mmCIF file of all heavy atoms, coordinates in Angstrom:
data_MODEL
# 
_entry.id   MODEL 
# 
loop_
_atom_site.group_PDB 
_atom_site.id 
_atom_site.type_symbol 
_atom_site.label_atom_id 
_atom_site.label_alt_id 
_atom_site.label_comp_id 
_atom_site.label_asym_id 
_atom_site.label_entity_id 
_atom_site.label_seq_id 
_atom_site.pdbx_PDB_ins_code 
_atom_site.Cartn_x 
_atom_site.Cartn_y 
_atom_site.Cartn_z 
_atom_site.occupancy 
_atom_site.B_iso_or_equiv 
_atom_site.pdbx_formal_charge 
_atom_site.auth_seq_id 
_atom_site.auth_comp_id 
_atom_site.auth_asym_id 
_atom_site.auth_atom_id 
_atom_site.pdbx_PDB_model_num 
ATOM 1   N N   . GLY A 1 1  ? 85.615 135.632 136.141 1.00 0.00 ? 1  GLY A N   1 
ATOM 2   C CA  . GLY A 1 1  ? 85.815 136.954 136.694 1.00 0.00 ? 1  GLY A CA  1 
ATOM 3   C C   . GLY A 1 1  ? 84.713 137.371 137.675 1.00 0.00 ? 1  GLY A C   1 
ATOM 4   O O   . GLY A 1 1  ? 84.472 138.563 137.867 1.00 0.00 ? 1  GLY A O   1 
ATOM 5   N N   . PHE A 1 2  ? 84.050 136.393 138.274 1.00 0.00 ? 2  PHE A N   1 
ATOM 6   C CA  . PHE A 1 2  ? 82.971 136.654 139.235 1.00 0.00 ? 2  PHE A CA  1 
ATOM 7   C C   . PHE A 1 2  ? 81.889 137.583 138.666 1.00 0.00 ? 2  PHE A C   1 
ATOM 8   O O   . PHE A 1 2  ? 81.354 138.438 139.371 1.00 0.00 ? 2  PHE A O   1 
ATOM 9   C CB  . PHE A 1 2  ? 83.519 137.248 140.551 1.00 0.00 ? 2  PHE A CB  1 
ATOM 10  C CG  . PHE A 1 2  ? 84.490 136.346 141.257 1.00 0.00 ? 2  PHE A CG  1 
ATOM 11  C CD1 . PHE A 1 2  ? 85.844 136.616 141.232 1.00 0.00 ? 2  PHE A CD1 1 
ATOM 12  C CD2 . PHE A 1 2  ? 84.059 135.205 141.901 1.00 0.00 ? 2  PHE A CD2 1 
ATOM 13  C CE1 . PHE A 1 2  ? 86.763 135.790 141.868 1.00 0.00 ? 2  PHE A CE1 1 
ATOM 14  C CE2 . PHE A 1 2  ? 84.972 134.375 142.542 1.00 0.00 ? 2  PHE A CE2 1 
ATOM 15  C CZ  . PHE A 1 2  ? 86.313 134.672 142.527 1.00 0.00 ? 2  PHE A CZ  1 
ATOM 16  N N   . ASP A 1 3  ? 81.592 137.409 137.388 1.00 0.00 ? 3  ASP A N   1 
ATOM 17  C CA  . ASP A 1 3  ? 80.622 138.305 136.746 1.00 0.00 ? 3  ASP A CA  1 
ATOM 18  C C   . ASP A 1 3  ? 79.171 137.985 137.110 1.00 0.00 ? 3  ASP A C   1 
ATOM 19  O O   . ASP A 1 3  ? 78.289 138.792 136.847 1.00 0.00 ? 3  ASP A O   1 
ATOM 20  C CB  . ASP A 1 3  ? 80.786 138.301 135.230 1.00 0.00 ? 3  ASP A CB  1 
ATOM 21  C CG  . ASP A 1 3  ? 80.616 136.925 134.613 1.00 0.00 ? 3  ASP A CG  1 
ATOM 22  O OD1 . ASP A 1 3  ? 80.153 136.012 135.303 1.00 0.00 ? 3  ASP A OD1 1 
ATOM 23  O OD2 . ASP A 1 3  ? 80.947 136.784 133.415 1.00 0.00 ? 3  ASP A OD2 1 
ATOM 24  N N   . GLY A 1 4  ? 78.910 136.836 137.706 1.00 0.00 ? 4  GLY A N   1 
ATOM 25  C CA  . GLY A 1 4  ? 77.562 136.480 138.128 1.00 0.00 ? 4  GLY A CA  1 
ATOM 26  C C   . GLY A 1 4  ? 76.690 135.910 137.014 1.00 0.00 ? 4  GLY A C   1 
ATOM 27  O O   . GLY A 1 4  ? 75.600 135.417 137.276 1.00 0.00 ? 4  GLY A O   1 
ATOM 28  N N   . VAL A 1 5  ? 77.161 135.969 135.794 1.00 0.00 ? 5  VAL A N   1 
ATOM 29  C CA  . VAL A 1 5  ? 76.370 135.490 134.647 1.00 0.00 ? 5  VAL A CA  1 
ATOM 30  C C   . VAL A 1 5  ? 76.214 133.969 134.729 1.00 0.00 ? 5  VAL A C   1 
ATOM 31  O O   . VAL A 1 5  ? 75.153 133.443 134.393 1.00 0.00 ? 5  VAL A O   1 
ATOM 32  C CB  . VAL A 1 5  ? 77.023 135.903 133.311 1.00 0.00 ? 5  VAL A CB  1 
ATOM 33  C CG1 . VAL A 1 5  ? 76.299 135.296 132.142 1.00 0.00 ? 5  VAL A CG1 1 
ATOM 34  C CG2 . VAL A 1 5  ? 77.071 137.418 133.208 1.00 0.00 ? 5  VAL A CG2 1 
ATOM 35  N N   . TYR A 1 6  ? 77.232 133.288 135.153 1.00 0.00 ? 6  TYR A N   1 
ATOM 36  C CA  . TYR A 1 6  ? 77.228 131.820 135.158 1.00 0.00 ? 6  TYR A CA  1 
ATOM 37  C C   . TYR A 1 6  ? 77.046 131.242 136.573 1.00 0.00 ? 6  TYR A C   1 
ATOM 38  O O   . TYR A 1 6  ? 77.386 130.082 136.805 1.00 0.00 ? 6  TYR A O   1 
ATOM 39  C CB  . TYR A 1 6  ? 78.525 131.291 134.552 1.00 0.00 ? 6  TYR A CB  1 
ATOM 40  C CG  . TYR A 1 6  ? 78.740 131.746 133.129 1.00 0.00 ? 6  TYR A CG  1 
ATOM 41  C CD1 . TYR A 1 6  ? 79.574 132.824 132.849 1.00 0.00 ? 6  TYR A CD1 1 
ATOM 42  C CD2 . TYR A 1 6  ? 78.107 131.105 132.079 1.00 0.00 ? 6  TYR A CD2 1 
ATOM 43  C CE1 . TYR A 1 6  ? 79.773 133.251 131.548 1.00 0.00 ? 6  TYR A CE1 1 
ATOM 44  C CE2 . TYR A 1 6  ? 78.282 131.520 130.778 1.00 0.00 ? 6  TYR A CE2 1 
ATOM 45  C CZ  . TYR A 1 6  ? 79.117 132.597 130.517 1.00 0.00 ? 6  TYR A CZ  1 
ATOM 46  O OH  . TYR A 1 6  ? 79.309 133.012 129.232 1.00 0.00 ? 6  TYR A OH  1 
ATOM 47  N N   . GLU A 1 7  ? 76.546 132.001 137.487 1.00 0.00 ? 7  GLU A N   1 
ATOM 48  C CA  . GLU A 1 7  ? 76.463 131.587 138.880 1.00 0.00 ? 7  GLU A CA  1 
ATOM 49  C C   . GLU A 1 7  ? 75.723 130.251 139.033 1.00 0.00 ? 7  GLU A C   1 
ATOM 50  O O   . GLU A 1 7  ? 76.240 129.328 139.674 1.00 0.00 ? 7  GLU A O   1 
ATOM 51  C CB  . GLU A 1 7  ? 75.766 132.662 139.709 1.00 0.00 ? 7  GLU A CB  1 
ATOM 52  C CG  . GLU A 1 7  ? 75.701 132.355 141.177 1.00 0.00 ? 7  GLU A CG  1 
ATOM 53  C CD  . GLU A 1 7  ? 75.095 133.487 141.975 1.00 0.00 ? 7  GLU A CD  1 
ATOM 54  O OE1 . GLU A 1 7  ? 74.839 134.565 141.421 1.00 0.00 ? 7  GLU A OE1 1 
ATOM 55  O OE2 . GLU A 1 7  ? 74.866 133.286 143.172 1.00 0.00 ? 7  GLU A OE2 1 
ATOM 56  N N   . LEU A 1 8  ? 74.550 130.146 138.458 1.00 0.00 ? 8  LEU A N   1 
ATOM 57  C CA  . LEU A 1 8  ? 73.791 128.887 138.572 1.00 0.00 ? 8  LEU A CA  1 
ATOM 58  C C   . LEU A 1 8  ? 74.495 127.744 137.831 1.00 0.00 ? 8  LEU A C   1 
ATOM 59  O O   . LEU A 1 8  ? 74.597 126.648 138.362 1.00 0.00 ? 8  LEU A O   1 
ATOM 60  C CB  . LEU A 1 8  ? 72.373 129.082 138.017 1.00 0.00 ? 8  LEU A CB  1 
ATOM 61  C CG  . LEU A 1 8  ? 71.479 127.833 138.046 1.00 0.00 ? 8  LEU A CG  1 
ATOM 62  C CD1 . LEU A 1 8  ? 71.335 127.304 139.480 1.00 0.00 ? 8  LEU A CD1 1 
ATOM 63  C CD2 . LEU A 1 8  ? 70.119 128.151 137.456 1.00 0.00 ? 8  LEU A CD2 1 
ATOM 64  N N   . GLN A 1 9  ? 74.992 128.023 136.663 1.00 0.00 ? 9  GLN A N   1 
ATOM 65  C CA  . GLN A 1 9  ? 75.700 126.994 135.887 1.00 0.00 ? 9  GLN A CA  1 
ATOM 66  C C   . GLN A 1 9  ? 76.936 126.507 136.648 1.00 0.00 ? 9  GLN A C   1 
ATOM 67  O O   . GLN A 1 9  ? 77.188 125.296 136.712 1.00 0.00 ? 9  GLN A O   1 
ATOM 68  C CB  . GLN A 1 9  ? 76.110 127.550 134.537 1.00 0.00 ? 9  GLN A CB  1 
ATOM 69  C CG  . GLN A 1 9  ? 76.856 126.540 133.669 1.00 0.00 ? 9  GLN A CG  1 
ATOM 70  C CD  . GLN A 1 9  ? 77.256 127.110 132.322 1.00 0.00 ? 9  GLN A CD  1 
ATOM 71  O OE1 . GLN A 1 9  ? 76.731 128.108 131.887 1.00 0.00 ? 9  GLN A OE1 1 
ATOM 72  N NE2 . GLN A 1 9  ? 78.186 126.468 131.664 1.00 0.00 ? 9  GLN A NE2 1 
ATOM 73  N N   . ASP A 1 10 ? 77.689 127.433 137.241 1.00 0.00 ? 10 ASP A N   1 
ATOM 74  C CA  . ASP A 1 10 ? 78.870 127.057 138.007 1.00 0.00 ? 10 ASP A CA  1 
ATOM 75  C C   . ASP A 1 10 ? 78.476 126.137 139.171 1.00 0.00 ? 10 ASP A C   1 
ATOM 76  O O   . ASP A 1 10 ? 79.134 125.138 139.452 1.00 0.00 ? 10 ASP A O   1 
ATOM 77  C CB  . ASP A 1 10 ? 79.602 128.287 138.549 1.00 0.00 ? 10 ASP A CB  1 
ATOM 78  C CG  . ASP A 1 10 ? 80.264 129.093 137.458 1.00 0.00 ? 10 ASP A CG  1 
ATOM 79  O OD1 . ASP A 1 10 ? 80.510 128.552 136.360 1.00 0.00 ? 10 ASP A OD1 1 
ATOM 80  O OD2 . ASP A 1 10 ? 80.530 130.296 137.704 1.00 0.00 ? 10 ASP A OD2 1 
ATOM 81  N N   . TRP A 1 11 ? 77.412 126.499 139.873 1.00 0.00 ? 11 TRP A N   1 
ATOM 82  C CA  . TRP A 1 11 ? 76.960 125.701 141.010 1.00 0.00 ? 11 TRP A CA  1 
ATOM 83  C C   . TRP A 1 11 ? 76.533 124.309 140.566 1.00 0.00 ? 11 TRP A C   1 
ATOM 84  O O   . TRP A 1 11 ? 76.933 123.303 141.153 1.00 0.00 ? 11 TRP A O   1 
ATOM 85  C CB  . TRP A 1 11 ? 75.827 126.401 141.765 1.00 0.00 ? 11 TRP A CB  1 
ATOM 86  C CG  . TRP A 1 11 ? 75.436 125.594 142.968 1.00 0.00 ? 11 TRP A CG  1 
ATOM 87  C CD1 . TRP A 1 11 ? 74.487 124.626 143.026 1.00 0.00 ? 11 TRP A CD1 1 
ATOM 88  C CD2 . TRP A 1 11 ? 76.022 125.663 144.271 1.00 0.00 ? 11 TRP A CD2 1 
ATOM 89  N NE1 . TRP A 1 11 ? 74.445 124.093 144.289 1.00 0.00 ? 11 TRP A NE1 1 
ATOM 90  C CE2 . TRP A 1 11 ? 75.363 124.709 145.072 1.00 0.00 ? 11 TRP A CE2 1 
ATOM 91  C CE3 . TRP A 1 11 ? 77.027 126.455 144.821 1.00 0.00 ? 11 TRP A CE3 1 
ATOM 92  C CZ2 . TRP A 1 11 ? 75.712 124.529 146.412 1.00 0.00 ? 11 TRP A CZ2 1 
ATOM 93  C CZ3 . TRP A 1 11 ? 77.342 126.263 146.177 1.00 0.00 ? 11 TRP A CZ3 1 
ATOM 94  C CH2 . TRP A 1 11 ? 76.694 125.308 146.931 1.00 0.00 ? 11 TRP A CH2 1 
ATOM 95  N N   . LEU A 1 12 ? 75.718 124.248 139.530 1.00 0.00 ? 12 LEU A N   1 
ATOM 96  C CA  . LEU A 1 12 ? 75.205 122.961 139.071 1.00 0.00 ? 12 LEU A CA  1 
ATOM 97  C C   . LEU A 1 12 ? 76.309 122.050 138.555 1.00 0.00 ? 12 LEU A C   1 
ATOM 98  O O   . LEU A 1 12 ? 76.303 120.842 138.809 1.00 0.00 ? 12 LEU A O   1 
ATOM 99  C CB  . LEU A 1 12 ? 74.141 123.162 137.996 1.00 0.00 ? 12 LEU A CB  1 
ATOM 100 C CG  . LEU A 1 12 ? 72.846 123.844 138.487 1.00 0.00 ? 12 LEU A CG  1 
ATOM 101 C CD1 . LEU A 1 12 ? 71.928 124.107 137.307 1.00 0.00 ? 12 LEU A CD1 1 
ATOM 102 C CD2 . LEU A 1 12 ? 72.154 123.035 139.566 1.00 0.00 ? 12 LEU A CD2 1 
ATOM 103 N N   . GLU A 1 13 ? 77.273 122.612 137.867 1.00 0.00 ? 13 GLU A N   1 
ATOM 104 C CA  . GLU A 1 13 ? 78.403 121.817 137.378 1.00 0.00 ? 13 GLU A CA  1 
ATOM 105 C C   . GLU A 1 13 ? 79.272 121.335 138.534 1.00 0.00 ? 13 GLU A C   1 
ATOM 106 O O   . GLU A 1 13 ? 79.722 120.189 138.544 1.00 0.00 ? 13 GLU A O   1 
ATOM 107 C CB  . GLU A 1 13 ? 79.227 122.620 136.372 1.00 0.00 ? 13 GLU A CB  1 
ATOM 108 C CG  . GLU A 1 13 ? 78.522 122.807 135.043 1.00 0.00 ? 13 GLU A CG  1 
ATOM 109 C CD  . GLU A 1 13 ? 79.303 123.705 134.085 1.00 0.00 ? 13 GLU A CD  1 
ATOM 110 O OE1 . GLU A 1 13 ? 80.385 124.189 134.434 1.00 0.00 ? 13 GLU A OE1 1 
ATOM 111 O OE2 . GLU A 1 13 ? 78.789 123.909 132.964 1.00 0.00 ? 13 GLU A OE2 1 
ATOM 112 N N   . ALA A 1 14 ? 79.483 122.195 139.510 1.00 0.00 ? 14 ALA A N   1 
ATOM 113 C CA  . ALA A 1 14 ? 80.268 121.793 140.690 1.00 0.00 ? 14 ALA A CA  1 
ATOM 114 C C   . ALA A 1 14 ? 79.522 120.706 141.470 1.00 0.00 ? 14 ALA A C   1 
ATOM 115 O O   . ALA A 1 14 ? 80.126 119.726 141.927 1.00 0.00 ? 14 ALA A O   1 
ATOM 116 C CB  . ALA A 1 14 ? 80.520 123.003 141.579 1.00 0.00 ? 14 ALA A CB  1 
ATOM 117 N N   . GLU A 1 15 ? 78.241 120.865 141.609 1.00 0.00 ? 15 GLU A N   1 
ATOM 118 C CA  . GLU A 1 15 ? 77.416 119.872 142.310 1.00 0.00 ? 15 GLU A CA  1 
ATOM 119 C C   . GLU A 1 15 ? 77.496 118.510 141.612 1.00 0.00 ? 15 GLU A C   1 
ATOM 120 O O   . GLU A 1 15 ? 77.691 117.484 142.265 1.00 0.00 ? 15 GLU A O   1 
ATOM 121 C CB  . GLU A 1 15 ? 75.972 120.359 142.361 1.00 0.00 ? 15 GLU A CB  1 
ATOM 122 C CG  . GLU A 1 15 ? 75.045 119.456 143.145 1.00 0.00 ? 15 GLU A CG  1 
ATOM 123 C CD  . GLU A 1 15 ? 73.655 120.055 143.234 1.00 0.00 ? 15 GLU A CD  1 
ATOM 124 O OE1 . GLU A 1 15 ? 73.140 120.568 142.222 1.00 0.00 ? 15 GLU A OE1 1 
ATOM 125 O OE2 . GLU A 1 15 ? 73.089 120.011 144.326 1.00 0.00 ? 15 GLU A OE2 1 
ATOM 126 N N   . ALA A 1 16 ? 77.347 118.512 140.295 1.00 0.00 ? 16 ALA A N   1 
ATOM 127 C CA  . ALA A 1 16 ? 77.426 117.268 139.540 1.00 0.00 ? 16 ALA A CA  1 
ATOM 128 C C   . ALA A 1 16 ? 78.798 116.620 139.687 1.00 0.00 ? 16 ALA A C   1 
ATOM 129 O O   . ALA A 1 16 ? 78.899 115.399 139.840 1.00 0.00 ? 16 ALA A O   1 
ATOM 130 C CB  . ALA A 1 16 ? 77.099 117.521 138.068 1.00 0.00 ? 16 ALA A CB  1 
ATOM 131 N N   . GLU A 1 17 ? 79.832 117.436 139.636 1.00 0.00 ? 17 GLU A N   1 
ATOM 132 C CA  . GLU A 1 17 ? 81.189 116.919 139.752 1.00 0.00 ? 17 GLU A CA  1 
ATOM 133 C C   . GLU A 1 17 ? 81.431 116.271 141.118 1.00 0.00 ? 17 GLU A C   1 
ATOM 134 O O   . GLU A 1 17 ? 81.944 115.152 141.201 1.00 0.00 ? 17 GLU A O   1 
ATOM 135 C CB  . GLU A 1 17 ? 82.186 118.035 139.514 1.00 0.00 ? 17 GLU A CB  1 
ATOM 136 C CG  . GLU A 1 17 ? 83.612 117.595 139.607 1.00 0.00 ? 17 GLU A CG  1 
ATOM 137 C CD  . GLU A 1 17 ? 84.591 118.723 139.368 1.00 0.00 ? 17 GLU A CD  1 
ATOM 138 O OE1 . GLU A 1 17 ? 84.164 119.898 139.288 1.00 0.00 ? 17 GLU A OE1 1 
ATOM 139 O OE2 . GLU A 1 17 ? 85.793 118.423 139.279 1.00 0.00 ? 17 GLU A OE2 1 
ATOM 140 N N   . ILE A 1 18 ? 81.075 116.948 142.169 1.00 0.00 ? 18 ILE A N   1 
ATOM 141 C CA  . ILE A 1 18 ? 81.289 116.435 143.528 1.00 0.00 ? 18 ILE A CA  1 
ATOM 142 C C   . ILE A 1 18 ? 80.439 115.191 143.761 1.00 0.00 ? 18 ILE A C   1 
ATOM 143 O O   . ILE A 1 18 ? 80.916 114.194 144.304 1.00 0.00 ? 18 ILE A O   1 
ATOM 144 C CB  . ILE A 1 18 ? 80.982 117.518 144.585 1.00 0.00 ? 18 ILE A CB  1 
ATOM 145 C CG1 . ILE A 1 18 ? 81.962 118.682 144.455 1.00 0.00 ? 18 ILE A CG1 1 
ATOM 146 C CG2 . ILE A 1 18 ? 81.002 116.927 145.997 1.00 0.00 ? 18 ILE A CG2 1 
ATOM 147 C CD1 . ILE A 1 18 ? 83.434 118.349 144.578 1.00 0.00 ? 18 ILE A CD1 1 
ATOM 148 N N   . ASP A 1 19 ? 79.185 115.229 143.350 1.00 0.00 ? 19 ASP A N   1 
ATOM 149 C CA  . ASP A 1 19 ? 78.331 114.061 143.527 1.00 0.00 ? 19 ASP A CA  1 
ATOM 150 C C   . ASP A 1 19 ? 78.851 112.855 142.773 1.00 0.00 ? 19 ASP A C   1 
ATOM 151 O O   . ASP A 1 19 ? 78.824 111.745 143.292 1.00 0.00 ? 19 ASP A O   1 
ATOM 152 C CB  . ASP A 1 19 ? 76.889 114.383 143.089 1.00 0.00 ? 19 ASP A CB  1 
ATOM 153 C CG  . ASP A 1 19 ? 76.152 115.227 144.106 1.00 0.00 ? 19 ASP A CG  1 
ATOM 154 O OD1 . ASP A 1 19 ? 76.665 115.442 145.223 1.00 0.00 ? 19 ASP A OD1 1 
ATOM 155 O OD2 . ASP A 1 19 ? 75.055 115.716 143.764 1.00 0.00 ? 19 ASP A OD2 1 
ATOM 156 N N   . THR A 1 20 ? 79.348 113.077 141.577 1.00 0.00 ? 20 THR A N   1 
ATOM 157 C CA  . THR A 1 20 ? 79.890 111.970 140.767 1.00 0.00 ? 20 THR A CA  1 
ATOM 158 C C   . THR A 1 20 ? 81.134 111.381 141.436 1.00 0.00 ? 20 THR A C   1 
ATOM 159 O O   . THR A 1 20 ? 81.300 110.158 141.500 1.00 0.00 ? 20 THR A O   1 
ATOM 160 C CB  . THR A 1 20 ? 80.219 112.446 139.344 1.00 0.00 ? 20 THR A CB  1 
ATOM 161 O OG1 . THR A 1 20 ? 79.023 112.880 138.735 1.00 0.00 ? 20 THR A OG1 1 
ATOM 162 C CG2 . THR A 1 20 ? 80.851 111.325 138.549 1.00 0.00 ? 20 THR A CG2 1 
ATOM 163 N N   . LYS A 1 21 ? 82.000 112.243 141.958 1.00 0.00 ? 21 LYS A N   1 
ATOM 164 C CA  . LYS A 1 21 ? 83.259 111.774 142.534 1.00 0.00 ? 21 LYS A CA  1 
ATOM 165 C C   . LYS A 1 21 ? 83.079 111.099 143.899 1.00 0.00 ? 21 LYS A C   1 
ATOM 166 O O   . LYS A 1 21 ? 83.802 110.167 144.231 1.00 0.00 ? 21 LYS A O   1 
ATOM 167 C CB  . LYS A 1 21 ? 84.238 112.939 142.701 1.00 0.00 ? 21 LYS A CB  1 
ATOM 168 C CG  . LYS A 1 21 ? 84.862 113.385 141.412 1.00 0.00 ? 21 LYS A CG  1 
ATOM 169 C CD  . LYS A 1 21 ? 85.866 114.465 141.646 1.00 0.00 ? 21 LYS A CD  1 
ATOM 170 C CE  . LYS A 1 21 ? 86.526 114.872 140.343 1.00 0.00 ? 21 LYS A CE  1 
ATOM 171 N NZ  . LYS A 1 21 ? 87.547 115.893 140.553 1.00 0.00 ? 21 LYS A NZ  1 
ATOM 172 N N   . PHE A 1 22 ? 82.132 111.587 144.704 1.00 0.00 ? 22 PHE A N   1 
ATOM 173 C CA  . PHE A 1 22 ? 82.089 111.134 146.094 1.00 0.00 ? 22 PHE A CA  1 
ATOM 174 C C   . PHE A 1 22 ? 80.782 110.524 146.559 1.00 0.00 ? 22 PHE A C   1 
ATOM 175 O O   . PHE A 1 22 ? 80.731 109.918 147.613 1.00 0.00 ? 22 PHE A O   1 
ATOM 176 C CB  . PHE A 1 22 ? 82.399 112.322 147.013 1.00 0.00 ? 22 PHE A CB  1 
ATOM 177 C CG  . PHE A 1 22 ? 83.782 112.856 146.794 1.00 0.00 ? 22 PHE A CG  1 
ATOM 178 C CD1 . PHE A 1 22 ? 83.991 114.026 146.095 1.00 0.00 ? 22 PHE A CD1 1 
ATOM 179 C CD2 . PHE A 1 22 ? 84.901 112.176 147.267 1.00 0.00 ? 22 PHE A CD2 1 
ATOM 180 C CE1 . PHE A 1 22 ? 85.248 114.516 145.878 1.00 0.00 ? 22 PHE A CE1 1 
ATOM 181 C CE2 . PHE A 1 22 ? 86.172 112.648 147.048 1.00 0.00 ? 22 PHE A CE2 1 
ATOM 182 C CZ  . PHE A 1 22 ? 86.351 113.817 146.352 1.00 0.00 ? 22 PHE A CZ  1 
ATOM 183 N N   . TYR A 1 23 ? 79.713 110.695 145.821 1.00 0.00 ? 23 TYR A N   1 
ATOM 184 C CA  . TYR A 1 23 ? 78.426 110.232 146.312 1.00 0.00 ? 23 TYR A CA  1 
ATOM 185 C C   . TYR A 1 23 ? 77.725 109.245 145.398 1.00 0.00 ? 23 TYR A C   1 
ATOM 186 O O   . TYR A 1 23 ? 76.561 108.946 145.595 1.00 0.00 ? 23 TYR A O   1 
ATOM 187 C CB  . TYR A 1 23 ? 77.511 111.450 146.577 1.00 0.00 ? 23 TYR A CB  1 
ATOM 188 C CG  . TYR A 1 23 ? 78.016 112.276 147.742 1.00 0.00 ? 23 TYR A CG  1 
ATOM 189 C CD1 . TYR A 1 23 ? 78.868 113.351 147.550 1.00 0.00 ? 23 TYR A CD1 1 
ATOM 190 C CD2 . TYR A 1 23 ? 77.658 111.951 149.045 1.00 0.00 ? 23 TYR A CD2 1 
ATOM 191 C CE1 . TYR A 1 23 ? 79.333 114.099 148.625 1.00 0.00 ? 23 TYR A CE1 1 
ATOM 192 C CE2 . TYR A 1 23 ? 78.101 112.694 150.114 1.00 0.00 ? 23 TYR A CE2 1 
ATOM 193 C CZ  . TYR A 1 23 ? 78.950 113.761 149.895 1.00 0.00 ? 23 TYR A CZ  1 
ATOM 194 O OH  . TYR A 1 23 ? 79.417 114.485 150.968 1.00 0.00 ? 23 TYR A OH  1 
ATOM 195 N N   . ARG A 1 24 ? 78.393 108.762 144.400 1.00 0.00 ? 24 ARG A N   1 
ATOM 196 C CA  . ARG A 1 24 ? 77.763 107.760 143.509 1.00 0.00 ? 24 ARG A CA  1 
ATOM 197 C C   . ARG A 1 24 ? 78.611 106.555 143.370 1.00 0.00 ? 24 ARG A C   1 
ATOM 198 O O   . ARG A 1 24 ? 79.725 106.447 143.550 1.00 0.00 ? 24 ARG A O   1 
ATOM 199 C CB  . ARG A 1 24 ? 77.522 108.381 142.126 1.00 0.00 ? 24 ARG A CB  1 
ATOM 200 C CG  . ARG A 1 24 ? 76.462 109.417 142.208 1.00 0.00 ? 24 ARG A CG  1 
ATOM 201 C CD  . ARG A 1 24 ? 76.086 109.916 140.858 1.00 0.00 ? 24 ARG A CD  1 
ATOM 202 N NE  . ARG A 1 24 ? 75.174 111.029 141.042 1.00 0.00 ? 24 ARG A NE  1 
ATOM 203 C CZ  . ARG A 1 24 ? 74.783 111.825 140.112 1.00 0.00 ? 24 ARG A CZ  1 
ATOM 204 N NH1 . ARG A 1 24 ? 75.227 111.670 138.896 1.00 0.00 ? 24 ARG A NH1 1 
ATOM 205 N NH2 . ARG A 1 24 ? 73.953 112.788 140.329 1.00 0.00 ? 24 ARG A NH2 1 
# 
């Protein structure tokens, strides 16, 4: 709900996911 509480967690999880799929 765009509450901002998980902003860093969302970014880090997205980063790990993209890096795993396309950069490793």
